[in-house]
Amino acid sequence: MHMLMVGLLAGTAFANAGLVEPSEDAMRVAFATDLSEGVQAILVFVEEATGPQAVIRIREVGTDAFTITAFRKSECRTHPDGHVCSFAVEVDTVAGPIARSIEGRFFLGPCGLTYDHGV
């Protein structure tokens, strides 16, 4: 009986985890992960389309590198699959800083908080 209660409590906690509004730090990590995965996907495409030398050149000049220098959460609203949040972000690149105000969906994925830009 004790194990059943523990299981029910754990299941309830996990089910309700998506109802908690994400923190600014968690949003920043999820956004950075999504951005990094996007860059990696582009590198794979470039390698398939033009060969490995093109990827080597991209990495040599650093156009695949970025640093998030500022991230500020604005507001969030609940969504059936998580939260839709707006935030301001500044990303430093070899070509200079990029500052944007963005809105996207944050939800619990298999590896934690996940960002989806297609709201």
C-alpha atoms as a PDB file:
ATOM      1  CA  MET A   1       0.000   0.000   0.000  1.00  0.00           C
ATOM      2  CA  HIS A   2       2.865   2.345   0.859  1.00  0.00           C
ATOM      3  CA  MET A   3       4.475   1.780  -2.549  1.00  0.00           C
ATOM      4  CA  LEU A   4       1.179   2.484  -4.290  1.00  0.00           C
ATOM      5  CA  MET A   5       0.882   5.838  -2.524  1.00  0.00           C
ATOM      6  CA  VAL A   6       4.479   6.754  -3.400  1.00  0.00           C
ATOM      7  CA  GLY A   7       3.802   5.873  -7.037  1.00  0.00           C
ATOM      8  CA  LEU A   8       0.621   7.926  -7.134  1.00  0.00           C
ATOM      9  CA  LEU A   9       2.325  10.932  -5.558  1.00  0.00           C
ATOM     10  CA  ALA A  10       5.255  10.714  -7.957  1.00  0.00           C
ATOM     11  CA  GLY A  11       2.908  10.393 -10.948  1.00  0.00           C
ATOM     12  CA  THR A  12       0.885  13.387  -9.828  1.00  0.00           C
ATOM     13  CA  ALA A  13       4.010  15.486  -9.290  1.00  0.00           C
ATOM     14  CA  PHE A  14       5.296  14.616 -12.772  1.00  0.00           C
ATOM     15  CA  ALA A  15       1.923  15.314 -14.392  1.00  0.00           C
ATOM     16  CA  ASN A  16       1.696  18.716 -12.697  1.00  0.00           C
ATOM     17  CA  ALA A  17       5.314  19.642 -13.492  1.00  0.00           C
ATOM     18  CA  GLY A  18       4.209  21.110 -16.832  1.00  0.00           C
ATOM     19  CA  LEU A  19       1.837  23.483 -15.034  1.00  0.00           C
ATOM     20  CA  VAL A  20       4.642  25.323 -13.255  1.00  0.00           C
ATOM     21  CA  GLU A  21       5.808  28.399 -15.132  1.00  0.00           C
ATOM     22  CA  PRO A  22       9.426  27.946 -16.271  1.00  0.00           C
ATOM     23  CA  SER A  23      12.150  30.003 -14.617  1.00  0.00           C
ATOM     24  CA  GLU A  24      14.263  32.473 -16.587  1.00  0.00           C
ATOM     25  CA  ASP A  25      17.364  30.273 -16.138  1.00  0.00           C
ATOM     26  CA  ALA A  26      15.553  27.149 -17.359  1.00  0.00           C
ATOM     27  CA  MET A  27      14.200  29.076 -20.352  1.00  0.00           C
ATOM     28  CA  ARG A  28      17.690  30.337 -21.203  1.00  0.00           C
ATOM     29  CA  VAL A  29      19.107  26.803 -21.162  1.00  0.00           C
ATOM     30  CA  ALA A  30      16.232  25.449 -23.276  1.00  0.00           C
ATOM     31  CA  PHE A  31      16.613  28.288 -25.810  1.00  0.00           C
ATOM     32  CA  ALA A  32      20.412  27.811 -25.990  1.00  0.00           C
ATOM     33  CA  THR A  33      19.971  24.067 -26.506  1.00  0.00           C
ATOM     34  CA  ASP A  34      17.491  24.644 -29.336  1.00  0.00           C
ATOM     35  CA  LEU A  35      19.799  27.206 -30.961  1.00  0.00           C
ATOM     36  CA  SER A  36      22.777  24.858 -30.690  1.00  0.00           C
ATOM     37  CA  GLU A  37      20.804  21.971 -32.193  1.00  0.00           C
ATOM     38  CA  GLY A  38      19.756  24.268 -35.055  1.00  0.00           C
ATOM     39  CA  VAL A  39      23.374  25.205 -35.761  1.00  0.00           C
ATOM     40  CA  GLN A  40      24.372  21.535 -35.744  1.00  0.00           C
ATOM     41  CA  ALA A  41      21.561  20.695 -38.182  1.00  0.00           C
ATOM     42  CA  ILE A  42      22.786  23.423 -40.528  1.00  0.00           C
ATOM     43  CA  LEU A  43      26.338  22.064 -40.349  1.00  0.00           C
ATOM     44  CA  VAL A  44      25.075  18.589 -41.240  1.00  0.00           C
ATOM     45  CA  PHE A  45      23.179  20.059 -44.206  1.00  0.00           C
ATOM     46  CA  VAL A  46      26.214  22.036 -45.375  1.00  0.00           C
ATOM     47  CA  GLU A  47      28.407  18.938 -45.150  1.00  0.00           C
ATOM     48  CA  GLU A  48      25.911  16.850 -47.124  1.00  0.00           C
ATOM     49  CA  ALA A  49      25.433  19.579 -49.745  1.00  0.00           C
ATOM     50  CA  THR A  50      28.998  20.798 -50.208  1.00  0.00           C
ATOM     51  CA  GLY A  51      31.309  18.425 -48.369  1.00  0.00           C
ATOM     52  CA  PRO A  52      33.332  18.388 -45.159  1.00  0.00           C
ATOM     53  CA  GLN A  53      35.732  21.143 -46.262  1.00  0.00           C
ATOM     54  CA  ALA A  54      32.905  23.690 -46.106  1.00  0.00           C
ATOM     55  CA  VAL A  55      32.188  22.762 -42.487  1.00  0.00           C
ATOM     56  CA  ILE A  56      35.880  23.036 -41.659  1.00  0.00           C
ATOM     57  CA  ARG A  57      35.922  26.556 -43.135  1.00  0.00           C
ATOM     58  CA  ILE A  58      32.801  27.532 -41.168  1.00  0.00           C
ATOM     59  CA  ARG A  59      34.395  26.331 -37.932  1.00  0.00           C
ATOM     60  CA  GLU A  60      37.729  28.010 -38.708  1.00  0.00           C
ATOM     61  CA  VAL A  61      36.132  31.441 -39.032  1.00  0.00           C
ATOM     62  CA  GLY A  62      33.748  30.815 -36.138  1.00  0.00           C
ATOM     63  CA  THR A  63      30.457  31.459 -37.880  1.00  0.00           C
ATOM     64  CA  ASP A  64      28.979  28.460 -36.066  1.00  0.00           C
ATOM     65  CA  ALA A  65      29.867  29.853 -32.631  1.00  0.00           C
ATOM     66  CA  PHE A  66      27.588  31.953 -30.467  1.00  0.00           C
ATOM     67  CA  THR A  67      27.263  33.120 -26.884  1.00  0.00           C
ATOM     68  CA  ILE A  68      24.063  34.211 -25.209  1.00  0.00           C
ATOM     69  CA  THR A  69      25.121  37.422 -23.475  1.00  0.00           C
ATOM     70  CA  ALA A  70      21.705  38.514 -22.193  1.00  0.00           C
ATOM     71  CA  PHE A  71      18.387  36.800 -21.591  1.00  0.00           C
ATOM     72  CA  ARG A  72      15.362  38.353 -19.915  1.00  0.00           C
ATOM     73  CA  LYS A  73      12.021  36.636 -19.421  1.00  0.00           C
ATOM     74  CA  SER A  74       9.046  38.926 -20.030  1.00  0.00           C
ATOM     75  CA  GLU A  75       5.797  37.056 -19.515  1.00  0.00           C
ATOM     76  CA  CYS A  76       4.299  33.597 -19.848  1.00  0.00           C
ATOM     77  CA  ARG A  77       0.831  32.254 -20.391  1.00  0.00           C
ATOM     78  CA  THR A  78      -0.330  28.699 -20.043  1.00  0.00           C
ATOM     79  CA  HIS A  79      -0.668  26.562 -23.142  1.00  0.00           C
ATOM     80  CA  PRO A  80      -2.168  23.058 -23.405  1.00  0.00           C
ATOM     81  CA  ASP A  81       1.396  21.742 -23.817  1.00  0.00           C
ATOM     82  CA  GLY A  82       3.394  23.945 -21.420  1.00  0.00           C
ATOM     83  CA  HIS A  83       3.765  27.725 -21.539  1.00  0.00           C
ATOM     84  CA  VAL A  84       4.088  30.337 -24.261  1.00  0.00           C
ATOM     85  CA  CYS A  85       6.607  32.880 -23.045  1.00  0.00           C
ATOM     86  CA  SER A  86       8.060  36.075 -24.427  1.00  0.00           C
ATOM     87  CA  PHE A  87      11.656  37.020 -23.741  1.00  0.00           C
ATOM     88  CA  ALA A  88      14.439  39.299 -24.891  1.00  0.00           C
ATOM     89  CA  VAL A  89      17.728  37.734 -25.885  1.00  0.00           C
ATOM     90  CA  GLU A  90      21.094  38.981 -27.080  1.00  0.00           C
ATOM     91  CA  VAL A  91      23.365  36.561 -28.884  1.00  0.00           C
ATOM     92  CA  ASP A  92      26.988  37.420 -29.621  1.00  0.00           C
ATOM     93  CA  THR A  93      28.294  36.066 -32.938  1.00  0.00           C
ATOM     94  CA  VAL A  94      31.415  36.560 -35.021  1.00  0.00           C
ATOM     95  CA  ALA A  95      29.381  38.986 -37.152  1.00  0.00           C
ATOM     96  CA  GLY A  96      28.330  40.996 -34.092  1.00  0.00           C
ATOM     97  CA  PRO A  97      25.556  40.929 -31.528  1.00  0.00           C
ATOM     98  CA  ILE A  98      21.982  40.031 -32.404  1.00  0.00           C
ATOM     99  CA  ALA A  99      19.248  41.332 -30.091  1.00  0.00           C
ATOM    100  CA  ARG A 100      15.661  40.142 -30.447  1.00  0.00           C
ATOM    101  CA  SER A 101      12.387  39.941 -28.586  1.00  0.00           C
ATOM    102  CA  ILE A 102      10.965  36.467 -29.121  1.00  0.00           C
ATOM    103  CA  GLU A 103       7.945  34.418 -28.158  1.00  0.00           C
ATOM    104  CA  GLY A 104       8.002  30.637 -28.016  1.00  0.00           C
ATOM    105  CA  ARG A 105       6.572  27.584 -26.333  1.00  0.00           C
ATOM    106  CA  PHE A 106       8.367  25.932 -23.440  1.00  0.00           C
ATOM    107  CA  PHE A 107       7.329  22.429 -22.419  1.00  0.00           C
ATOM    108  CA  LEU A 108       8.646  19.386 -20.593  1.00  0.00           C
ATOM    109  CA  GLY A 109      10.408  17.092 -23.042  1.00  0.00           C
ATOM    110  CA  PRO A 110      12.255  13.821 -22.464  1.00  0.00           C
ATOM    111  CA  CYS A 111      15.404  15.703 -21.367  1.00  0.00           C
ATOM    112  CA  GLY A 112      13.772  18.507 -19.356  1.00  0.00           C
ATOM    113  CA  LEU A 113      12.474  21.898 -20.415  1.00  0.00           C
ATOM    114  CA  THR A 114      12.364  22.236 -24.203  1.00  0.00           C
ATOM    115  CA  TYR A 115      11.926  25.305 -26.412  1.00  0.00           C
ATOM    116  CA  ASP A 116       9.795  25.340 -29.558  1.00  0.00           C
ATOM    117  CA  HIS A 117       9.891  28.499 -31.646  1.00  0.00           C
ATOM    118  CA  GLY A 118       6.878  27.508 -33.743  1.00  0.00           C
ATOM    119  CA  VAL A 119       4.092  28.890 -31.566  1.00  0.00           C
END
